[in-house]
Structures are given as structure tokens and as C-alpha cells.
Amino acid sequence: MSMKIQTCDAPVSSESRRLSHIWFSFVAAIKAQHLRYATERKLNFLGDRELADIGLCRSDIPKLARLGPTELPLIREEHQANYRQPDGAFEGD
């Protein structure tokens, strides 16, 4: 016993395409927000030493969660620029 599947070959209206695009954009935004919250939550469980080991401080967590892991090198460079010792200063000073 075989079943026939009926398909609709009617043209898709521009309104239908627009609504489909809105829906998929909405779903993508929800997924991205969930990923940001999950990243932030996981990083907040790390201690200050663990964060320092990967070149972060606690104030970097929201920025990293918002921008994504590909921006980690830029955040590290920003840290080094902000905390660089002035010329002639010693580490112990």
C-alpha cells in the first residue's frame, strides 16, 4: 500500500516570504540570546584566578558574551593596553 504525498506548487507570495524571514530572524535572535546568557553564566562560575589564566577579568564577561569568542584576542589586547606599565616603571613599584 503506497501513499501519495501531495505537494503544493503554488507560487509563494512576497508577504509569505516576509513573514517567514521575520520568523526565522526572531528564532535566530532568541538562540543568540540564549547562547549569550549561557556563556555569561558559565564564565561567572569561574574564579578570578581562572579568569586571569585565560586573560580575562570579571568585567570582561558581559562584553565577551555579547561579542563572542572570536573577539577574545581583541579583549586581551585591550587589557594589555589599559594595564601597561608606563616607561621606566618597574613591576614591583
PDB file of N, CA and C in Angstrom:
ATOM      1  N   MET A   1       0.843  -1.165   0.000  1.00  0.00           N
ATOM      2  CA  MET A   1       0.000   0.000   0.000  1.00  0.00           C
ATOM      3  C   MET A   1       0.896   1.238   0.000  1.00  0.00           C
ATOM      4  N   SER A   2       0.874   1.957  -1.056  1.00  0.00           N
ATOM      5  CA  SER A   2       1.693   3.165  -1.135  1.00  0.00           C
ATOM      6  C   SER A   2       0.812   4.398  -0.990  1.00  0.00           C
ATOM      7  N   MET A   3       1.408   5.393  -0.339  1.00  0.00           N
ATOM      8  CA  MET A   3       0.667   6.638  -0.144  1.00  0.00           C
ATOM      9  C   MET A   3       1.275   7.714  -1.030  1.00  0.00           C
ATOM     10  N   LYS A   4       0.421   8.513  -1.597  1.00  0.00           N
ATOM     11  CA  LYS A   4       0.891   9.616  -2.404  1.00  0.00           C
ATOM     12  C   LYS A   4       0.950  10.866  -1.534  1.00  0.00           C
ATOM     13  N   ILE A   5       2.026  11.566  -1.667  1.00  0.00           N
ATOM     14  CA  ILE A   5       2.154  12.821  -0.941  1.00  0.00           C
ATOM     15  C   ILE A   5       1.837  13.943  -1.903  1.00  0.00           C
ATOM     16  N   GLN A   6       0.894  14.752  -1.508  1.00  0.00           N
ATOM     17  CA  GLN A   6       0.518  15.876  -2.355  1.00  0.00           C
ATOM     18  C   GLN A   6       1.370  17.087  -1.993  1.00  0.00           C
ATOM     19  N   THR A   7       1.848  17.726  -3.016  1.00  0.00           N
ATOM     20  CA  THR A   7       2.618  18.940  -2.787  1.00  0.00           C
ATOM     21  C   THR A   7       1.902  20.109  -3.426  1.00  0.00           C
ATOM     22  N   CYS A   8       2.170  21.246  -2.907  1.00  0.00           N
ATOM     23  CA  CYS A   8       1.559  22.453  -3.424  1.00  0.00           C
ATOM     24  C   CYS A   8       2.614  23.203  -4.228  1.00  0.00           C
ATOM     25  N   ASP A   9       2.363  23.364  -5.509  1.00  0.00           N
ATOM     26  CA  ASP A   9       3.303  24.070  -6.366  1.00  0.00           C
ATOM     27  C   ASP A   9       2.892  25.519  -6.597  1.00  0.00           C
ATOM     28  N   ALA A  10       2.029  26.013  -5.721  1.00  0.00           N
ATOM     29  CA  ALA A  10       1.576  27.396  -5.870  1.00  0.00           C
ATOM     30  C   ALA A  10       2.735  28.348  -5.576  1.00  0.00           C
ATOM     31  N   PRO A  11       2.791  29.458  -6.266  1.00  0.00           N
ATOM     32  CA  PRO A  11       3.868  30.421  -6.005  1.00  0.00           C
ATOM     33  C   PRO A  11       3.749  31.006  -4.598  1.00  0.00           C
ATOM     34  N   VAL A  12       4.882  31.288  -4.004  1.00  0.00           N
ATOM     35  CA  VAL A  12       4.914  31.840  -2.664  1.00  0.00           C
ATOM     36  C   VAL A  12       4.840  33.354  -2.778  1.00  0.00           C
ATOM     37  N   SER A  13       3.927  33.934  -2.024  1.00  0.00           N
ATOM     38  CA  SER A  13       3.748  35.385  -2.110  1.00  0.00           C
ATOM     39  C   SER A  13       4.882  36.109  -1.388  1.00  0.00           C
ATOM     40  N   SER A  14       5.070  37.355  -1.734  1.00  0.00           N
ATOM     41  CA  SER A  14       6.114  38.147  -1.085  1.00  0.00           C
ATOM     42  C   SER A  14       5.774  38.363   0.388  1.00  0.00           C
ATOM     43  N   GLU A  15       4.494  38.433   0.712  1.00  0.00           N
ATOM     44  CA  GLU A  15       4.059  38.581   2.110  1.00  0.00           C
ATOM     45  C   GLU A  15       4.447  37.343   2.911  1.00  0.00           C
ATOM     46  N   SER A  16       4.270  36.176   2.309  1.00  0.00           N
ATOM     47  CA  SER A  16       4.627  34.926   2.970  1.00  0.00           C
ATOM     48  C   SER A  16       6.135  34.852   3.189  1.00  0.00           C
ATOM     49  N   ARG A  17       6.917  35.286   2.188  1.00  0.00           N
ATOM     50  CA  ARG A  17       8.372  35.307   2.330  1.00  0.00           C
ATOM     51  C   ARG A  17       8.799  36.265   3.429  1.00  0.00           C
ATOM     52  N   ARG A  18       8.146  37.409   3.485  1.00  0.00           N
ATOM     53  CA  ARG A  18       8.480  38.414   4.502  1.00  0.00           C
ATOM     54  C   ARG A  18       8.185  37.872   5.901  1.00  0.00           C
ATOM     55  N   LEU A  19       7.042  37.237   6.081  1.00  0.00           N
ATOM     56  CA  LEU A  19       6.690  36.666   7.379  1.00  0.00           C
ATOM     57  C   LEU A  19       7.634  35.537   7.762  1.00  0.00           C
ATOM     58  N   SER A  20       8.027  34.748   6.782  1.00  0.00           N
ATOM     59  CA  SER A  20       8.967  33.664   7.039  1.00  0.00           C
ATOM     60  C   SER A  20      10.314  34.241   7.474  1.00  0.00           C
ATOM     61  N   HIS A  21      10.759  35.284   6.819  1.00  0.00           N
ATOM     62  CA  HIS A  21      12.024  35.926   7.176  1.00  0.00           C
ATOM     63  C   HIS A  21      11.946  36.507   8.589  1.00  0.00           C
ATOM     64  N   ILE A  22      10.852  37.143   8.933  1.00  0.00           N
ATOM     65  CA  ILE A  22      10.668  37.706  10.279  1.00  0.00           C
ATOM     66  C   ILE A  22      10.723  36.592  11.310  1.00  0.00           C
ATOM     67  N   TRP A  23      10.046  35.486  11.028  1.00  0.00           N
ATOM     68  CA  TRP A  23      10.009  34.370  11.980  1.00  0.00           C
ATOM     69  C   TRP A  23      11.404  33.784  12.196  1.00  0.00           C
ATOM     70  N   PHE A  24      12.132  33.529  11.106  1.00  0.00           N
ATOM     71  CA  PHE A  24      13.463  32.946  11.245  1.00  0.00           C
ATOM     72  C   PHE A  24      14.431  33.919  11.920  1.00  0.00           C
ATOM     73  N   SER A  25      14.278  35.210  11.682  1.00  0.00           N
ATOM     74  CA  SER A  25      15.105  36.212  12.361  1.00  0.00           C
ATOM     75  C   SER A  25      14.817  36.221  13.855  1.00  0.00           C
ATOM     76  N   PHE A  26      13.555  36.089  14.209  1.00  0.00           N
ATOM     77  CA  PHE A  26      13.146  36.047  15.613  1.00  0.00           C
ATOM     78  C   PHE A  26      13.748  34.823  16.303  1.00  0.00           C
ATOM     79  N   VAL A  27      13.663  33.675  15.676  1.00  0.00           N
ATOM     80  CA  VAL A  27      14.211  32.433  16.240  1.00  0.00           C
ATOM     81  C   VAL A  27      15.726  32.548  16.382  1.00  0.00           C
ATOM     82  N   ALA A  28      16.396  33.117  15.385  1.00  0.00           N
ATOM     83  CA  ALA A  28      17.855  33.283  15.454  1.00  0.00           C
ATOM     84  C   ALA A  28      18.239  34.224  16.596  1.00  0.00           C
ATOM     85  N   ALA A  29      17.461  35.286  16.807  1.00  0.00           N
ATOM     86  CA  ALA A  29      17.744  36.220  17.897  1.00  0.00           C
ATOM     87  C   ALA A  29      17.580  35.552  19.251  1.00  0.00           C
ATOM     88  N   ILE A  30      16.559  34.726  19.398  1.00  0.00           N
ATOM     89  CA  ILE A  30      16.331  34.004  20.659  1.00  0.00           C
ATOM     90  C   ILE A  30      17.480  33.033  20.921  1.00  0.00           C
ATOM     91  N   LYS A  31      17.929  32.322  19.881  1.00  0.00           N
ATOM     92  CA  LYS A  31      19.050  31.387  20.047  1.00  0.00           C
ATOM     93  C   LYS A  31      20.326  32.131  20.427  1.00  0.00           C
ATOM     94  N   ALA A  32      20.578  33.277  19.800  1.00  0.00           N
ATOM     95  CA  ALA A  32      21.776  34.064  20.110  1.00  0.00           C
ATOM     96  C   ALA A  32      21.725  34.579  21.544  1.00  0.00           C
ATOM     97  N   GLN A  33      20.551  35.007  21.976  1.00  0.00           N
ATOM     98  CA  GLN A  33      20.404  35.493  23.346  1.00  0.00           C
ATOM     99  C   GLN A  33      20.641  34.362  24.347  1.00  0.00           C
ATOM    100  N   HIS A  34      20.131  33.187  24.045  1.00  0.00           N
ATOM    101  CA  HIS A  34      20.334  32.029  24.912  1.00  0.00           C
ATOM    102  C   HIS A  34      21.831  31.692  25.009  1.00  0.00           C
ATOM    103  N   LEU A  35      22.531  31.748  23.887  1.00  0.00           N
ATOM    104  CA  LEU A  35      23.965  31.465  23.880  1.00  0.00           C
ATOM    105  C   LEU A  35      24.729  32.504  24.707  1.00  0.00           C
ATOM    106  N   ARG A  36      24.331  33.786  24.602  1.00  0.00           N
ATOM    107  CA  ARG A  36      24.981  34.835  25.400  1.00  0.00           C
ATOM    108  C   ARG A  36      24.788  34.585  26.884  1.00  0.00           C
ATOM    109  N   TYR A  37      23.560  34.277  27.284  1.00  0.00           N
ATOM    110  CA  TYR A  37      23.285  34.017  28.701  1.00  0.00           C
ATOM    111  C   TYR A  37      24.041  32.794  29.198  1.00  0.00           C
ATOM    112  N   ALA A  38      24.096  31.746  28.389  1.00  0.00           N
ATOM    113  CA  ALA A  38      24.804  30.525  28.794  1.00  0.00           C
ATOM    114  C   ALA A  38      26.306  30.791  28.939  1.00  0.00           C
ATOM    115  N   THR A  39      26.870  31.548  28.010  1.00  0.00           N
ATOM    116  CA  THR A  39      28.296  31.892  28.083  1.00  0.00           C
ATOM    117  C   THR A  39      28.580  32.710  29.333  1.00  0.00           C
ATOM    118  N   GLU A  40      27.753  33.716  29.568  1.00  0.00           N
ATOM    119  CA  GLU A  40      27.939  34.575  30.740  1.00  0.00           C
ATOM    120  C   GLU A  40      27.816  33.769  32.034  1.00  0.00           C
ATOM    121  N   ARG A  41      26.843  32.884  32.076  1.00  0.00           N
ATOM    122  CA  ARG A  41      26.623  32.064  33.275  1.00  0.00           C
ATOM    123  C   ARG A  41      27.818  31.151  33.544  1.00  0.00           C
ATOM    124  N   LYS A  42      28.341  30.522  32.501  1.00  0.00           N
ATOM    125  CA  LYS A  42      29.481  29.615  32.677  1.00  0.00           C
ATOM    126  C   LYS A  42      30.733  30.373  33.098  1.00  0.00           C
ATOM    127  N   LEU A  43      30.978  31.534  32.492  1.00  0.00           N
ATOM    128  CA  LEU A  43      32.160  32.306  32.859  1.00  0.00           C
ATOM    129  C   LEU A  43      32.055  32.864  34.273  1.00  0.00           C
ATOM    130  N   ASN A  44      30.858  33.176  34.716  1.00  0.00           N
ATOM    131  CA  ASN A  44      30.683  33.692  36.072  1.00  0.00           C
ATOM    132  C   ASN A  44      30.956  32.632  37.136  1.00  0.00           C
ATOM    133  N   PHE A  45      30.908  31.363  36.761  1.00  0.00           N
ATOM    134  CA  PHE A  45      31.230  30.290  37.709  1.00  0.00           C
ATOM    135  C   PHE A  45      32.735  30.170  37.940  1.00  0.00           C
ATOM    136  N   LEU A  46      33.538  30.726  37.016  1.00  0.00           N
ATOM    137  CA  LEU A  46      34.987  30.664  37.173  1.00  0.00           C
ATOM    138  C   LEU A  46      35.446  31.636  38.253  1.00  0.00           C
ATOM    139  N   GLY A  47      36.524  31.269  38.934  1.00  0.00           N
ATOM    140  CA  GLY A  47      37.113  32.155  39.925  1.00  0.00           C
ATOM    141  C   GLY A  47      37.963  33.228  39.252  1.00  0.00           C
ATOM    142  N   ASP A  48      38.363  34.224  40.026  1.00  0.00           N
ATOM    143  CA  ASP A  48      39.172  35.307  39.482  1.00  0.00           C
ATOM    144  C   ASP A  48      40.508  34.802  38.940  1.00  0.00           C
ATOM    145  N   ARG A  49      41.101  33.834  39.615  1.00  0.00           N
ATOM    146  CA  ARG A  49      42.368  33.274  39.127  1.00  0.00           C
ATOM    147  C   ARG A  49      42.192  32.536  37.811  1.00  0.00           C
ATOM    148  N   GLU A  50      41.116  31.774  37.707  1.00  0.00           N
ATOM    149  CA  GLU A  50      40.863  31.044  36.466  1.00  0.00           C
ATOM    150  C   GLU A  50      40.625  32.016  35.309  1.00  0.00           C
ATOM    151  N   LEU A  51      39.900  33.085  35.593  1.00  0.00           N
ATOM    152  CA  LEU A  51      39.671  34.088  34.559  1.00  0.00           C
ATOM    153  C   LEU A  51      40.992  34.744  34.150  1.00  0.00           C
ATOM    154  N   ALA A  52      41.838  35.053  35.142  1.00  0.00           N
ATOM    155  CA  ALA A  52      43.135  35.661  34.845  1.00  0.00           C
ATOM    156  C   ALA A  52      44.000  34.721  34.006  1.00  0.00           C
ATOM    157  N   ASP A  53      43.879  33.415  34.230  1.00  0.00           N
ATOM    158  CA  ASP A  53      44.646  32.442  33.458  1.00  0.00           C
ATOM    159  C   ASP A  53      44.306  32.496  31.968  1.00  0.00           C
ATOM    160  N   ILE A  54      43.080  32.832  31.651  1.00  0.00           N
ATOM    161  CA  ILE A  54      42.687  32.929  30.240  1.00  0.00           C
ATOM    162  C   ILE A  54      42.689  34.375  29.754  1.00  0.00           C
ATOM    163  N   GLY A  55      43.248  35.266  30.569  1.00  0.00           N
ATOM    164  CA  GLY A  55      43.425  36.653  30.142  1.00  0.00           C
ATOM    165  C   GLY A  55      42.206  37.530  30.285  1.00  0.00           C
ATOM    166  N   LEU A  56      41.320  37.191  31.212  1.00  0.00           N
ATOM    167  CA  LEU A  56      40.102  37.971  31.409  1.00  0.00           C
ATOM    168  C   LEU A  56      39.986  38.443  32.844  1.00  0.00           C
ATOM    169  N   CYS A  57      39.173  39.437  33.046  1.00  0.00           N
ATOM    170  CA  CYS A  57      38.757  39.807  34.394  1.00  0.00           C
ATOM    171  C   CYS A  57      37.224  39.779  34.397  1.00  0.00           C
ATOM    172  N   ARG A  58      36.647  39.843  35.558  1.00  0.00           N
ATOM    173  CA  ARG A  58      35.201  39.685  35.693  1.00  0.00           C
ATOM    174  C   ARG A  58      34.411  40.721  34.867  1.00  0.00           C
ATOM    175  N   SER A  59      34.966  41.917  34.741  1.00  0.00           N
ATOM    176  CA  SER A  59      34.247  42.952  33.988  1.00  0.00           C
ATOM    177  C   SER A  59      34.218  42.673  32.485  1.00  0.00           C
ATOM    178  N   ASP A  60      35.050  41.743  32.003  1.00  0.00           N
ATOM    179  CA  ASP A  60      35.055  41.380  30.581  1.00  0.00           C
ATOM    180  C   ASP A  60      33.955  40.396  30.209  1.00  0.00           C
ATOM    181  N   ILE A  61      33.366  39.756  31.176  1.00  0.00           N
ATOM    182  CA  ILE A  61      32.413  38.679  30.896  1.00  0.00           C
ATOM    183  C   ILE A  61      31.231  39.150  30.051  1.00  0.00           C
ATOM    184  N   PRO A  62      30.535  40.238  30.412  1.00  0.00           N
ATOM    185  CA  PRO A  62      29.401  40.641  29.559  1.00  0.00           C
ATOM    186  C   PRO A  62      29.826  40.997  28.137  1.00  0.00           C
ATOM    187  N   LYS A  63      30.975  41.652  27.998  1.00  0.00           N
ATOM    188  CA  LYS A  63      31.462  42.027  26.670  1.00  0.00           C
ATOM    189  C   LYS A  63      31.786  40.788  25.845  1.00  0.00           C
ATOM    190  N   LEU A  64      32.458  39.822  26.451  1.00  0.00           N
ATOM    191  CA  LEU A  64      32.800  38.594  25.745  1.00  0.00           C
ATOM    192  C   LEU A  64      31.545  37.813  25.360  1.00  0.00           C
ATOM    193  N   ALA A  65      30.568  37.770  26.264  1.00  0.00           N
ATOM    194  CA  ALA A  65      29.321  37.062  25.961  1.00  0.00           C
ATOM    195  C   ALA A  65      28.585  37.746  24.815  1.00  0.00           C
ATOM    196  N   ARG A  66      28.651  39.072  24.769  1.00  0.00           N
ATOM    197  CA  ARG A  66      27.957  39.821  23.724  1.00  0.00           C
ATOM    198  C   ARG A  66      28.664  39.697  22.380  1.00  0.00           C
ATOM    199  N   LEU A  67      29.998  39.790  22.373  1.00  0.00           N
ATOM    200  CA  LEU A  67      30.749  39.790  21.119  1.00  0.00           C
ATOM    201  C   LEU A  67      31.069  38.398  20.597  1.00  0.00           C
ATOM    202  N   GLY A  68      31.233  37.442  21.505  1.00  0.00           N
ATOM    203  CA  GLY A  68      31.541  36.083  21.090  1.00  0.00           C
ATOM    204  C   GLY A  68      33.015  35.757  21.257  1.00  0.00           C
ATOM    205  N   PRO A  69      33.350  34.479  21.219  1.00  0.00           N
ATOM    206  CA  PRO A  69      34.720  34.035  21.491  1.00  0.00           C
ATOM    207  C   PRO A  69      35.732  34.485  20.449  1.00  0.00           C
ATOM    208  N   THR A  70      35.285  34.844  19.259  1.00  0.00           N
ATOM    209  CA  THR A  70      36.243  35.283  18.236  1.00  0.00           C
ATOM    210  C   THR A  70      36.865  36.629  18.600  1.00  0.00           C
ATOM    211  N   GLU A  71      36.248  37.366  19.503  1.00  0.00           N
ATOM    212  CA  GLU A  71      36.764  38.674  19.902  1.00  0.00           C
ATOM    213  C   GLU A  71      37.699  38.600  21.104  1.00  0.00           C
ATOM    214  N   LEU A  72      37.958  37.415  21.621  1.00  0.00           N
ATOM    215  CA  LEU A  72      38.823  37.264  22.797  1.00  0.00           C
ATOM    216  C   LEU A  72      40.210  37.877  22.600  1.00  0.00           C
ATOM    217  N   PRO A  73      40.864  37.687  21.450  1.00  0.00           N
ATOM    218  CA  PRO A  73      42.173  38.329  21.284  1.00  0.00           C
ATOM    219  C   PRO A  73      42.099  39.856  21.380  1.00  0.00           C
ATOM    220  N   LEU A  74      41.033  40.461  20.868  1.00  0.00           N
ATOM    221  CA  LEU A  74      40.887  41.913  20.953  1.00  0.00           C
ATOM    222  C   LEU A  74      40.698  42.370  22.395  1.00  0.00           C
ATOM    223  N   ILE A  75      39.963  41.594  23.175  1.00  0.00           N
ATOM    224  CA  ILE A  75      39.744  41.931  24.579  1.00  0.00           C
ATOM    225  C   ILE A  75      41.069  41.830  25.329  1.00  0.00           C
ATOM    226  N   ARG A  76      41.862  40.812  25.022  1.00  0.00           N
ATOM    227  CA  ARG A  76      43.170  40.655  25.674  1.00  0.00           C
ATOM    228  C   ARG A  76      44.089  41.833  25.327  1.00  0.00           C
ATOM    229  N   GLU A  77      44.102  42.242  24.052  1.00  0.00           N
ATOM    230  CA  GLU A  77      44.923  43.380  23.647  1.00  0.00           C
ATOM    231  C   GLU A  77      44.491  44.648  24.370  1.00  0.00           C
ATOM    232  N   GLU A  78      43.191  44.819  24.509  1.00  0.00           N
ATOM    233  CA  GLU A  78      42.655  45.983  25.214  1.00  0.00           C
ATOM    234  C   GLU A  78      43.125  45.995  26.667  1.00  0.00           C
ATOM    235  N   HIS A  79      43.126  44.819  27.286  1.00  0.00           N
ATOM    236  CA  HIS A  79      43.608  44.694  28.664  1.00  0.00           C
ATOM    237  C   HIS A  79      45.073  45.082  28.766  1.00  0.00           C
ATOM    238  N   GLN A  80      45.861  44.554  27.869  1.00  0.00           N
ATOM    239  CA  GLN A  80      47.294  44.840  27.918  1.00  0.00           C
ATOM    240  C   GLN A  80      47.546  46.333  27.725  1.00  0.00           C
ATOM    241  N   ALA A  81      46.796  46.976  26.858  1.00  0.00           N
ATOM    242  CA  ALA A  81      46.965  48.411  26.632  1.00  0.00           C
ATOM    243  C   ALA A  81      46.544  49.210  27.865  1.00  0.00           C
ATOM    244  N   ASN A  82      45.483  48.783  28.532  1.00  0.00           N
ATOM    245  CA  ASN A  82      44.979  49.515  29.696  1.00  0.00           C
ATOM    246  C   ASN A  82      45.857  49.343  30.925  1.00  0.00           C
ATOM    247  N   TYR A  83      46.525  48.204  31.041  1.00  0.00           N
ATOM    248  CA  TYR A  83      47.290  47.912  32.243  1.00  0.00           C
ATOM    249  C   TYR A  83      48.795  47.920  32.007  1.00  0.00           C
ATOM    250  N   ARG A  84      49.214  48.467  30.883  1.00  0.00           N
ATOM    251  CA  ARG A  84      50.644  48.525  30.569  1.00  0.00           C
ATOM    252  C   ARG A  84      51.321  49.520  31.513  1.00  0.00           C
ATOM    253  N   GLN A  85      52.486  49.118  31.996  1.00  0.00           N
ATOM    254  CA  GLN A  85      53.261  49.981  32.899  1.00  0.00           C
ATOM    255  C   GLN A  85      53.853  51.135  32.100  1.00  0.00           C
ATOM    256  N   PRO A  86      53.858  52.337  32.666  1.00  0.00           N
ATOM    257  CA  PRO A  86      54.498  53.456  31.958  1.00  0.00           C
ATOM    258  C   PRO A  86      55.999  53.192  31.794  1.00  0.00           C
ATOM    259  N   ASP A  87      56.591  53.814  30.815  1.00  0.00           N
ATOM    260  CA  ASP A  87      58.026  53.616  30.547  1.00  0.00           C
ATOM    261  C   ASP A  87      58.852  53.978  31.767  1.00  0.00           C
ATOM    262  N   GLY A  88      59.819  53.129  32.083  1.00  0.00           N
ATOM    263  CA  GLY A  88      60.703  53.376  33.197  1.00  0.00           C
ATOM    264  C   GLY A  88      60.175  52.859  34.529  1.00  0.00           C
ATOM    265  N   ALA A  89      58.920  52.377  34.577  1.00  0.00           N
ATOM    266  CA  ALA A  89      58.354  51.866  35.834  1.00  0.00           C
ATOM    267  C   ALA A  89      58.725  50.398  35.970  1.00  0.00           C
ATOM    268  N   PHE A  90      58.913  49.970  37.173  1.00  0.00           N
ATOM    269  CA  PHE A  90      59.223  48.572  37.463  1.00  0.00           C
ATOM    270  C   PHE A  90      57.954  47.865  37.916  1.00  0.00           C
ATOM    271  N   GLU A  91      57.936  46.567  37.685  1.00  0.00           N
ATOM    272  CA  GLU A  91      56.777  45.749  38.076  1.00  0.00           C
ATOM    273  C   GLU A  91      56.482  45.871  39.554  1.00  0.00           C
ATOM    274  N   GLY A  92      57.502  45.962  40.414  1.00  0.00           N
ATOM    275  CA  GLY A  92      57.321  45.990  41.851  1.00  0.00           C
ATOM    276  C   GLY A  92      56.899  47.336  42.407  1.00  0.00           C
ATOM    277  N   ASP A  93      56.926  48.389  41.574  1.00  0.00           N
ATOM    278  CA  ASP A  93      56.577  49.734  42.056  1.00  0.00           C
ATOM    279  C   ASP A  93      55.096  49.909  42.220  1.00  0.00           C
TER     280      ASP A  93
END
